[in-house]
Each structure stands twice: as C-alpha cells, then as structure tokens.
Amino acid sequence: MDASISLTELRQRLFELADRVAESGEPLVIVRNGVRLRLIREEATVAETKGRLARLVERDIVIGPPLDPHESPAEWSGELLRVAEPPKPYGRKKPGARK
C-alpha cells in the first residue's frame, strides 16, 4: 500500500522520505489540493550508470602500424612530417589584374 502524506509534511521530512523511497522502492503519495502526486524510484539504465563513455561506438579504424615505444616521431622522414603547404603571402591584388 502506498503511503500518503501532505506537501507540508514532505517539505519537513524530504530527505528522510526520499531515502525511504530509494531504499524500499515503495512509492510515496503526496496530496496537494486534492491532487495525488507520486514519488517513485526509477531504475537506472546501464548507460546512465556507466556515464557518457558507455555511449561511445567501437570503431575498427587503423591508420598505420602502432609506434614502437622506442621510436620518436622526430625520426620520421621529412616527407611524412609535411602535413600542409606553408601559407602563401597575403597581398592586395591590383585593380583589373586577373589570375
């Protein structure tokens, strides 16, 4: 049977009553102006208990061989280190000049 209390009593004993609902799982009915409200325990899903990392999707992506623990990226050849071209100097175009 659901326990029934007034909103005033809930306000005075909120933490005690919330702990009781959490431990026992028995709903608590709160009566306010003739309207019945229920405080119930909600079971957490696996994703909620493990946090945000549980939502990560496993991917099978391998770009290249893993680094040897004794290898340094500084030892790679210069061609591999060039990721982007150096920026071109910025200058104003002369009026009427086209590429």
PDB file of N, CA and C in Angstrom:
ATOM      1  N   MET A   1       0.838  -1.179   0.000  1.00  0.00           N
ATOM      2  CA  MET A   1       0.000   0.000   0.000  1.00  0.00           C
ATOM      3  C   MET A   1       0.885   1.245   0.000  1.00  0.00           C
ATOM      4  N   ASP A   2       0.533   2.210  -0.835  1.00  0.00           N
ATOM      5  CA  ASP A   2       1.307   3.443  -0.936  1.00  0.00           C
ATOM      6  C   ASP A   2       1.063   4.321   0.286  1.00  0.00           C
ATOM      7  N   ALA A   3       2.123   4.880   0.849  1.00  0.00           N
ATOM      8  CA  ALA A   3       1.994   5.822   1.952  1.00  0.00           C
ATOM      9  C   ALA A   3       1.532   7.157   1.397  1.00  0.00           C
ATOM     10  N   SER A   4       0.710   7.881   2.142  1.00  0.00           N
ATOM     11  CA  SER A   4       0.161   9.158   1.690  1.00  0.00           C
ATOM     12  C   SER A   4       0.476  10.225   2.723  1.00  0.00           C
ATOM     13  N   ILE A   5       1.029  11.365   2.257  1.00  0.00           N
ATOM     14  CA  ILE A   5       1.370  12.464   3.159  1.00  0.00           C
ATOM     15  C   ILE A   5       0.989  13.785   2.506  1.00  0.00           C
ATOM     16  N   SER A   6       0.967  14.833   3.303  1.00  0.00           N
ATOM     17  CA  SER A   6       0.686  16.165   2.769  1.00  0.00           C
ATOM     18  C   SER A   6       1.984  16.788   2.265  1.00  0.00           C
ATOM     19  N   LEU A   7       1.836  17.838   1.466  1.00  0.00           N
ATOM     20  CA  LEU A   7       3.010  18.524   0.942  1.00  0.00           C
ATOM     21  C   LEU A   7       3.799  19.198   2.065  1.00  0.00           C
ATOM     22  N   THR A   8       3.102  19.680   3.083  1.00  0.00           N
ATOM     23  CA  THR A   8       3.787  20.302   4.222  1.00  0.00           C
ATOM     24  C   THR A   8       4.676  19.297   4.942  1.00  0.00           C
ATOM     25  N   GLU A   9       4.158  18.088   5.149  1.00  0.00           N
ATOM     26  CA  GLU A   9       4.957  17.041   5.801  1.00  0.00           C
ATOM     27  C   GLU A   9       6.137  16.642   4.919  1.00  0.00           C
ATOM     28  N   LEU A  10       5.909  16.584   3.613  1.00  0.00           N
ATOM     29  CA  LEU A  10       7.004  16.264   2.691  1.00  0.00           C
ATOM     30  C   LEU A  10       8.098  17.310   2.793  1.00  0.00           C
ATOM     31  N   ARG A  11       7.710  18.566   2.860  1.00  0.00           N
ATOM     32  CA  ARG A  11       8.674  19.654   2.943  1.00  0.00           C
ATOM     33  C   ARG A  11       9.531  19.519   4.203  1.00  0.00           C
ATOM     34  N   GLN A  12       8.932  19.101   5.315  1.00  0.00           N
ATOM     35  CA  GLN A  12       9.653  18.982   6.582  1.00  0.00           C
ATOM     36  C   GLN A  12      10.562  17.761   6.618  1.00  0.00           C
ATOM     37  N   ARG A  13      10.174  16.680   5.931  1.00  0.00           N
ATOM     38  CA  ARG A  13      10.912  15.413   6.017  1.00  0.00           C
ATOM     39  C   ARG A  13      11.401  14.933   4.664  1.00  0.00           C
ATOM     40  N   LEU A  14      11.700  15.852   3.739  1.00  0.00           N
ATOM     41  CA  LEU A  14      12.006  15.489   2.352  1.00  0.00           C
ATOM     42  C   LEU A  14      13.125  14.465   2.228  1.00  0.00           C
ATOM     43  N   PHE A  15      14.261  14.717   2.845  1.00  0.00           N
ATOM     44  CA  PHE A  15      15.406  13.824   2.679  1.00  0.00           C
ATOM     45  C   PHE A  15      15.150  12.444   3.282  1.00  0.00           C
ATOM     46  N   GLU A  16      14.516  12.420   4.433  1.00  0.00           N
ATOM     47  CA  GLU A  16      14.187  11.149   5.086  1.00  0.00           C
ATOM     48  C   GLU A  16      13.249  10.319   4.201  1.00  0.00           C
ATOM     49  N   LEU A  17      12.203  10.969   3.678  1.00  0.00           N
ATOM     50  CA  LEU A  17      11.227  10.254   2.846  1.00  0.00           C
ATOM     51  C   LEU A  17      11.828   9.835   1.504  1.00  0.00           C
ATOM     52  N   ALA A  18      12.663  10.686   0.928  1.00  0.00           N
ATOM     53  CA  ALA A  18      13.313  10.338  -0.340  1.00  0.00           C
ATOM     54  C   ALA A  18      14.237   9.133  -0.152  1.00  0.00           C
ATOM     55  N   ASP A  19      14.968   9.090   0.964  1.00  0.00           N
ATOM     56  CA  ASP A  19      15.825   7.934   1.244  1.00  0.00           C
ATOM     57  C   ASP A  19      14.999   6.668   1.415  1.00  0.00           C
ATOM     58  N   ARG A  20      13.848   6.784   2.073  1.00  0.00           N
ATOM     59  CA  ARG A  20      12.994   5.617   2.281  1.00  0.00           C
ATOM     60  C   ARG A  20      12.472   5.069   0.950  1.00  0.00           C
ATOM     61  N   VAL A  21      12.054   5.968   0.052  1.00  0.00           N
ATOM     62  CA  VAL A  21      11.575   5.535  -1.270  1.00  0.00           C
ATOM     63  C   VAL A  21      12.718   4.901  -2.055  1.00  0.00           C
ATOM     64  N   ALA A  22      13.903   5.485  -1.977  1.00  0.00           N
ATOM     65  CA  ALA A  22      15.049   4.962  -2.716  1.00  0.00           C
ATOM     66  C   ALA A  22      15.443   3.576  -2.228  1.00  0.00           C
ATOM     67  N   GLU A  23      15.417   3.356  -0.924  1.00  0.00           N
ATOM     68  CA  GLU A  23      15.824   2.067  -0.359  1.00  0.00           C
ATOM     69  C   GLU A  23      14.773   0.983  -0.547  1.00  0.00           C
ATOM     70  N   SER A  24      13.514   1.317  -0.248  1.00  0.00           N
ATOM     71  CA  SER A  24      12.466   0.288  -0.281  1.00  0.00           C
ATOM     72  C   SER A  24      11.837   0.110  -1.660  1.00  0.00           C
ATOM     73  N   GLY A  25      11.844   1.157  -2.457  1.00  0.00           N
ATOM     74  CA  GLY A  25      11.189   1.082  -3.758  1.00  0.00           C
ATOM     75  C   GLY A  25       9.687   1.295  -3.671  1.00  0.00           C
ATOM     76  N   GLU A  26       9.165   1.496  -2.470  1.00  0.00           N
ATOM     77  CA  GLU A  26       7.730   1.708  -2.281  1.00  0.00           C
ATOM     78  C   GLU A  26       7.395   3.162  -2.608  1.00  0.00           C
ATOM     79  N   PRO A  27       6.429   3.400  -3.518  1.00  0.00           N
ATOM     80  CA  PRO A  27       6.081   4.775  -3.896  1.00  0.00           C
ATOM     81  C   PRO A  27       5.497   5.556  -2.716  1.00  0.00           C
ATOM     82  N   LEU A  28       5.658   6.857  -2.773  1.00  0.00           N
ATOM     83  CA  LEU A  28       5.124   7.756  -1.765  1.00  0.00           C
ATOM     84  C   LEU A  28       4.110   8.661  -2.450  1.00  0.00           C
ATOM     85  N   VAL A  29       2.892   8.741  -1.915  1.00  0.00           N
ATOM     86  CA  VAL A  29       1.847   9.576  -2.491  1.00  0.00           C
ATOM     87  C   VAL A  29       1.789  10.890  -1.714  1.00  0.00           C
ATOM     88  N   ILE A  30       1.845  11.993  -2.449  1.00  0.00           N
ATOM     89  CA  ILE A  30       1.787  13.322  -1.861  1.00  0.00           C
ATOM     90  C   ILE A  30       0.456  13.934  -2.293  1.00  0.00           C
ATOM     91  N   VAL A  31      -0.302  14.460  -1.335  1.00  0.00           N
ATOM     92  CA  VAL A  31      -1.605  15.048  -1.645  1.00  0.00           C
ATOM     93  C   VAL A  31      -1.490  16.559  -1.558  1.00  0.00           C
ATOM     94  N   ARG A  32      -1.872  17.241  -2.641  1.00  0.00           N
ATOM     95  CA  ARG A  32      -1.803  18.707  -2.692  1.00  0.00           C
ATOM     96  C   ARG A  32      -3.096  19.217  -3.314  1.00  0.00           C
ATOM     97  N   ASN A  33      -3.931  19.867  -2.530  1.00  0.00           N
ATOM     98  CA  ASN A  33      -5.217  20.408  -3.003  1.00  0.00           C
ATOM     99  C   ASN A  33      -6.066  19.340  -3.698  1.00  0.00           C
ATOM    100  N   GLY A  34      -6.093  18.165  -3.142  1.00  0.00           N
ATOM    101  CA  GLY A  34      -6.902  17.083  -3.694  1.00  0.00           C
ATOM    102  C   GLY A  34      -6.254  16.345  -4.851  1.00  0.00           C
ATOM    103  N   VAL A  35      -5.096  16.779  -5.292  1.00  0.00           N
ATOM    104  CA  VAL A  35      -4.374  16.124  -6.389  1.00  0.00           C
ATOM    105  C   VAL A  35      -3.334  15.200  -5.787  1.00  0.00           C
ATOM    106  N   ARG A  36      -3.293  13.973  -6.279  1.00  0.00           N
ATOM    107  CA  ARG A  36      -2.333  12.979  -5.762  1.00  0.00           C
ATOM    108  C   ARG A  36      -1.115  12.928  -6.683  1.00  0.00           C
ATOM    109  N   LEU A  37       0.040  13.092  -6.096  1.00  0.00           N
ATOM    110  CA  LEU A  37       1.321  13.019  -6.803  1.00  0.00           C
ATOM    111  C   LEU A  37       2.078  11.823  -6.252  1.00  0.00           C
ATOM    112  N   ARG A  38       2.902  11.190  -7.091  1.00  0.00           N
ATOM    113  CA  ARG A  38       3.662  10.020  -6.627  1.00  0.00           C
ATOM    114  C   ARG A  38       5.150  10.272  -6.745  1.00  0.00           C
ATOM    115  N   LEU A  39       5.868   9.949  -5.691  1.00  0.00           N
ATOM    116  CA  LEU A  39       7.325   9.957  -5.701  1.00  0.00           C
ATOM    117  C   LEU A  39       7.742   8.494  -5.802  1.00  0.00           C
ATOM    118  N   ILE A  40       8.366   8.135  -6.917  1.00  0.00           N
ATOM    119  CA  ILE A  40       8.733   6.739  -7.135  1.00  0.00           C
ATOM    120  C   ILE A  40      10.212   6.624  -7.448  1.00  0.00           C
ATOM    121  N   ARG A  41      10.734   5.437  -7.236  1.00  0.00           N
ATOM    122  CA  ARG A  41      12.125   5.148  -7.575  1.00  0.00           C
ATOM    123  C   ARG A  41      12.164   4.706  -9.028  1.00  0.00           C
ATOM    124  N   GLU A  42      13.076   5.274  -9.791  1.00  0.00           N
ATOM    125  CA  GLU A  42      13.236   4.904 -11.194  1.00  0.00           C
ATOM    126  C   GLU A  42      14.532   4.117 -11.324  1.00  0.00           C
ATOM    127  N   GLU A  43      14.448   2.969 -11.950  1.00  0.00           N
ATOM    128  CA  GLU A  43      15.643   2.152 -12.132  1.00  0.00           C
ATOM    129  C   GLU A  43      16.523   2.787 -13.211  1.00  0.00           C
ATOM    130  N   ALA A  44      17.811   2.880 -12.923  1.00  0.00           N
ATOM    131  CA  ALA A  44      18.749   3.482 -13.861  1.00  0.00           C
ATOM    132  C   ALA A  44      19.107   2.483 -14.946  1.00  0.00           C
ATOM    133  N   THR A  45      19.280   2.988 -16.169  1.00  0.00           N
ATOM    134  CA  THR A  45      19.708   2.126 -17.270  1.00  0.00           C
ATOM    135  C   THR A  45      21.214   1.925 -17.184  1.00  0.00           C
ATOM    136  N   VAL A  46      21.720   0.977 -17.934  1.00  0.00           N
ATOM    137  CA  VAL A  46      23.155   0.686 -17.918  1.00  0.00           C
ATOM    138  C   VAL A  46      23.947   1.890 -18.396  1.00  0.00           C
ATOM    139  N   ALA A  47      23.459   2.590 -19.425  1.00  0.00           N
ATOM    140  CA  ALA A  47      24.173   3.753 -19.946  1.00  0.00           C
ATOM    141  C   ALA A  47      24.276   4.860 -18.904  1.00  0.00           C
ATOM    142  N   GLU A  48      23.244   5.027 -18.083  1.00  0.00           N
ATOM    143  CA  GLU A  48      23.277   6.069 -17.059  1.00  0.00           C
ATOM    144  C   GLU A  48      24.256   5.730 -15.948  1.00  0.00           C
ATOM    145  N   THR A  49      24.382   4.460 -15.599  1.00  0.00           N
ATOM    146  CA  THR A  49      25.278   4.097 -14.503  1.00  0.00           C
ATOM    147  C   THR A  49      26.738   4.115 -14.925  1.00  0.00           C
ATOM    148  N   LYS A  50      27.012   3.897 -16.200  1.00  0.00           N
ATOM    149  CA  LYS A  50      28.394   3.904 -16.670  1.00  0.00           C
ATOM    150  C   LYS A  50      28.850   5.278 -17.145  1.00  0.00           C
ATOM    151  N   GLY A  51      27.932   6.210 -17.342  1.00  0.00           N
ATOM    152  CA  GLY A  51      28.300   7.563 -17.744  1.00  0.00           C
ATOM    153  C   GLY A  51      28.355   7.731 -19.253  1.00  0.00           C
ATOM    154  N   ARG A  52      28.936   8.846 -19.652  1.00  0.00           N
ATOM    155  CA  ARG A  52      28.957   9.208 -21.070  1.00  0.00           C
ATOM    156  C   ARG A  52      29.810   8.267 -21.913  1.00  0.00           C
ATOM    157  N   LEU A  53      30.832   7.664 -21.333  1.00  0.00           N
ATOM    158  CA  LEU A  53      31.711   6.799 -22.115  1.00  0.00           C
ATOM    159  C   LEU A  53      31.004   5.542 -22.600  1.00  0.00           C
ATOM    160  N   ALA A  54      29.921   5.155 -21.951  1.00  0.00           N
ATOM    161  CA  ALA A  54      29.176   3.969 -22.370  1.00  0.00           C
ATOM    162  C   ALA A  54      28.495   4.180 -23.712  1.00  0.00           C
ATOM    163  N   ARG A  55      28.328   5.444 -24.121  1.00  0.00           N
ATOM    164  CA  ARG A  55      27.677   5.730 -25.402  1.00  0.00           C
ATOM    165  C   ARG A  55      28.641   5.714 -26.577  1.00  0.00           C
ATOM    166  N   LEU A  56      29.933   5.577 -26.317  1.00  0.00           N
ATOM    167  CA  LEU A  56      30.904   5.544 -27.407  1.00  0.00           C
ATOM    168  C   LEU A  56      30.703   4.298 -28.272  1.00  0.00           C
ATOM    169  N   VAL A  57      30.888   4.460 -29.568  1.00  0.00           N
ATOM    170  CA  VAL A  57      30.744   3.359 -30.503  1.00  0.00           C
ATOM    171  C   VAL A  57      32.138   2.852 -30.849  1.00  0.00           C
ATOM    172  N   GLU A  58      32.333   1.544 -30.733  1.00  0.00           N
ATOM    173  CA  GLU A  58      33.636   0.963 -31.050  1.00  0.00           C
ATOM    174  C   GLU A  58      33.854   0.993 -32.553  1.00  0.00           C
ATOM    175  N   ARG A  59      35.028   1.414 -32.981  1.00  0.00           N
ATOM    176  CA  ARG A  59      35.346   1.530 -34.399  1.00  0.00           C
ATOM    177  C   ARG A  59      36.589   0.687 -34.703  1.00  0.00           C
ATOM    178  N   ASP A  60      36.602   0.098 -35.886  1.00  0.00           N
ATOM    179  CA  ASP A  60      37.760  -0.682 -36.328  1.00  0.00           C
ATOM    180  C   ASP A  60      38.536   0.122 -37.362  1.00  0.00           C
ATOM    181  N   ILE A  61      39.238   1.149 -36.915  1.00  0.00           N
ATOM    182  CA  ILE A  61      39.993   2.006 -37.816  1.00  0.00           C
ATOM    183  C   ILE A  61      41.465   1.925 -37.429  1.00  0.00           C
ATOM    184  N   VAL A  62      42.289   1.546 -38.392  1.00  0.00           N
ATOM    185  CA  VAL A  62      43.726   1.510 -38.170  1.00  0.00           C
ATOM    186  C   VAL A  62      44.365   2.296 -39.301  1.00  0.00           C
ATOM    187  N   ILE A  63      45.041   3.369 -38.974  1.00  0.00           N
ATOM    188  CA  ILE A  63      45.668   4.216 -39.983  1.00  0.00           C
ATOM    189  C   ILE A  63      47.022   3.632 -40.383  1.00  0.00           C
ATOM    190  N   GLY A  64      47.733   3.102 -39.485  1.00  0.00           N
ATOM    191  CA  GLY A  64      49.049   2.550 -39.765  1.00  0.00           C
ATOM    192  C   GLY A  64      49.520   1.728 -38.579  1.00  0.00           C
ATOM    193  N   PRO A  65      50.723   1.222 -38.667  1.00  0.00           N
ATOM    194  CA  PRO A  65      51.215   0.411 -37.553  1.00  0.00           C
ATOM    195  C   PRO A  65      51.408   1.274 -36.307  1.00  0.00           C
ATOM    196  N   PRO A  66      51.265   0.684 -35.141  1.00  0.00           N
ATOM    197  CA  PRO A  66      51.474   1.462 -33.912  1.00  0.00           C
ATOM    198  C   PRO A  66      52.944   1.833 -33.761  1.00  0.00           C
ATOM    199  N   LEU A  67      53.177   2.897 -33.041  1.00  0.00           N
ATOM    200  CA  LEU A  67      54.554   3.323 -32.796  1.00  0.00           C
ATOM    201  C   LEU A  67      55.260   2.330 -31.886  1.00  0.00           C
ATOM    202  N   ASP A  68      56.480   2.070 -32.214  1.00  0.00           N
ATOM    203  CA  ASP A  68      57.331   1.298 -31.322  1.00  0.00           C
ATOM    204  C   ASP A  68      57.604   2.191 -30.108  1.00  0.00           C
ATOM    205  N   PRO A  69      57.597   1.652 -28.891  1.00  0.00           N
ATOM    206  CA  PRO A  69      57.819   2.503 -27.715  1.00  0.00           C
ATOM    207  C   PRO A  69      59.141   3.270 -27.759  1.00  0.00           C
ATOM    208  N   HIS A  70      60.100   2.778 -28.534  1.00  0.00           N
ATOM    209  CA  HIS A  70      61.408   3.436 -28.600  1.00  0.00           C
ATOM    210  C   HIS A  70      61.517   4.357 -29.804  1.00  0.00           C
ATOM    211  N   GLU A  71      60.472   4.437 -30.625  1.00  0.00           N
ATOM    212  CA  GLU A  71      60.503   5.260 -31.822  1.00  0.00           C
ATOM    213  C   GLU A  71      59.964   6.650 -31.494  1.00  0.00           C
ATOM    214  N   SER A  72      60.538   7.641 -32.114  1.00  0.00           N
ATOM    215  CA  SER A  72      60.098   9.018 -31.908  1.00  0.00           C
ATOM    216  C   SER A  72      59.599   9.585 -33.235  1.00  0.00           C
ATOM    217  N   PRO A  73      58.550  10.367 -33.242  1.00  0.00           N
ATOM    218  CA  PRO A  73      58.111  10.983 -34.490  1.00  0.00           C
ATOM    219  C   PRO A  73      59.177  11.880 -35.105  1.00  0.00           C
ATOM    220  N   ALA A  74      60.122  12.357 -34.306  1.00  0.00           N
ATOM    221  CA  ALA A  74      61.199  13.194 -34.832  1.00  0.00           C
ATOM    222  C   ALA A  74      62.112  12.408 -35.768  1.00  0.00           C
ATOM    223  N   GLU A  75      62.107  11.091 -35.679  1.00  0.00           N
ATOM    224  CA  GLU A  75      62.960  10.264 -36.527  1.00  0.00           C
ATOM    225  C   GLU A  75      62.322   9.965 -37.882  1.00  0.00           C
ATOM    226  N   TRP A  76      61.066  10.341 -38.090  1.00  0.00           N
ATOM    227  CA  TRP A  76      60.404  10.073 -39.360  1.00  0.00           C
ATOM    228  C   TRP A  76      61.019  10.934 -40.441  1.00  0.00           C
ATOM    229  N   SER A  77      60.832  10.539 -41.673  1.00  0.00           N
ATOM    230  CA  SER A  77      61.396  11.313 -42.784  1.00  0.00           C
ATOM    231  C   SER A  77      60.639  12.628 -42.924  1.00  0.00           C
ATOM    232  N   GLY A  78      61.249  13.585 -43.569  1.00  0.00           N
ATOM    233  CA  GLY A  78      60.657  14.904 -43.736  1.00  0.00           C
ATOM    234  C   GLY A  78      59.367  14.882 -44.535  1.00  0.00           C
ATOM    235  N   GLU A  79      59.241  13.949 -45.485  1.00  0.00           N
ATOM    236  CA  GLU A  79      58.035  13.906 -46.305  1.00  0.00           C
ATOM    237  C   GLU A  79      56.811  13.522 -45.473  1.00  0.00           C
ATOM    238  N   LEU A  80      57.005  12.667 -44.493  1.00  0.00           N
ATOM    239  CA  LEU A  80      55.878  12.259 -43.669  1.00  0.00           C
ATOM    240  C   LEU A  80      55.428  13.367 -42.727  1.00  0.00           C
ATOM    241  N   LEU A  81      56.355  14.261 -42.355  1.00  0.00           N
ATOM    242  CA  LEU A  81      56.003  15.309 -41.420  1.00  0.00           C
ATOM    243  C   LEU A  81      55.274  16.467 -42.088  1.00  0.00           C
ATOM    244  N   ARG A  82      55.372  16.584 -43.408  1.00  0.00           N
ATOM    245  CA  ARG A  82      54.732  17.696 -44.106  1.00  0.00           C
ATOM    246  C   ARG A  82      53.236  17.419 -44.207  1.00  0.00           C
ATOM    247  N   VAL A  83      52.476  18.125 -43.435  1.00  0.00           N
ATOM    248  CA  VAL A  83      51.042  17.902 -43.403  1.00  0.00           C
ATOM    249  C   VAL A  83      50.337  18.867 -44.337  1.00  0.00           C
ATOM    250  N   ALA A  84      50.776  20.100 -44.355  1.00  0.00           N
ATOM    251  CA  ALA A  84      50.137  21.106 -45.194  1.00  0.00           C
ATOM    252  C   ALA A  84      51.208  21.993 -45.810  1.00  0.00           C
ATOM    253  N   GLU A  85      50.854  22.603 -46.898  1.00  0.00           N
ATOM    254  CA  GLU A  85      51.779  23.537 -47.544  1.00  0.00           C
ATOM    255  C   GLU A  85      51.876  24.798 -46.702  1.00  0.00           C
ATOM    256  N   PRO A  86      53.024  25.460 -46.713  1.00  0.00           N
ATOM    257  CA  PRO A  86      53.134  26.717 -45.970  1.00  0.00           C
ATOM    258  C   PRO A  86      52.179  27.755 -46.575  1.00  0.00           C
ATOM    259  N   PRO A  87      51.675  28.666 -45.769  1.00  0.00           N
ATOM    260  CA  PRO A  87      50.743  29.661 -46.295  1.00  0.00           C
ATOM    261  C   PRO A  87      51.419  30.597 -47.288  1.00  0.00           C
ATOM    262  N   LYS A  88      50.665  31.007 -48.286  1.00  0.00           N
ATOM    263  CA  LYS A  88      51.186  31.949 -49.283  1.00  0.00           C
ATOM    264  C   LYS A  88      51.098  33.351 -48.705  1.00  0.00           C
ATOM    265  N   PRO A  89      52.021  34.216 -49.091  1.00  0.00           N
ATOM    266  CA  PRO A  89      51.978  35.586 -48.558  1.00  0.00           C
ATOM    267  C   PRO A  89      50.710  36.295 -49.029  1.00  0.00           C
ATOM    268  N   TYR A  90      50.181  37.124 -48.155  1.00  0.00           N
ATOM    269  CA  TYR A  90      48.952  37.843 -48.453  1.00  0.00           C
ATOM    270  C   TYR A  90      49.316  39.187 -49.065  1.00  0.00           C
ATOM    271  N   GLY A  91      48.657  39.509 -50.131  1.00  0.00           N
ATOM    272  CA  GLY A  91      48.897  40.811 -50.762  1.00  0.00           C
ATOM    273  C   GLY A  91      47.653  41.269 -51.480  1.00  0.00           C
ATOM    274  N   ARG A  92      47.558  42.559 -51.645  1.00  0.00           N
ATOM    275  CA  ARG A  92      46.411  43.107 -52.369  1.00  0.00           C
ATOM    276  C   ARG A  92      46.601  42.923 -53.857  1.00  0.00           C
ATOM    277  N   LYS A  93      45.522  42.614 -54.520  1.00  0.00           N
ATOM    278  CA  LYS A  93      45.560  42.496 -55.971  1.00  0.00           C
ATOM    279  C   LYS A  93      45.412  43.888 -56.575  1.00  0.00           C
ATOM    280  N   LYS A  94      46.083  44.096 -57.676  1.00  0.00           N
ATOM    281  CA  LYS A  94      45.940  45.353 -58.373  1.00  0.00           C
ATOM    282  C   LYS A  94      44.598  45.366 -59.089  1.00  0.00           C
ATOM    283  N   PRO A  95      43.944  46.512 -59.123  1.00  0.00           N
ATOM    284  CA  PRO A  95      42.663  46.563 -59.819  1.00  0.00           C
ATOM    285  C   PRO A  95      42.827  46.167 -61.289  1.00  0.00           C
ATOM    286  N   GLY A  96      41.933  45.318 -61.763  1.00  0.00           N
ATOM    287  CA  GLY A  96      41.974  44.867 -63.145  1.00  0.00           C
ATOM    288  C   GLY A  96      42.858  43.665 -63.361  1.00  0.00           C
ATOM    289  N   ALA A  97      43.646  43.248 -62.363  1.00  0.00           N
ATOM    290  CA  ALA A  97      44.520  42.074 -62.522  1.00  0.00           C
ATOM    291  C   ALA A  97      43.689  40.809 -62.293  1.00  0.00           C
ATOM    292  N   ARG A  98      43.899  39.849 -63.164  1.00  0.00           N
ATOM    293  CA  ARG A  98      43.197  38.574 -63.049  1.00  0.00           C
ATOM    294  C   ARG A  98      44.202  37.453 -62.974  1.00  0.00           C
ATOM    295  N   LYS A  99      43.748  36.358 -62.393  1.00  0.00           N
ATOM    296  CA  LYS A  99      44.619  35.172 -62.304  1.00  0.00           C
ATOM    297  C   LYS A  99      44.650  34.446 -63.585  1.00  0.00           C
TER     298      LYS A  99
END
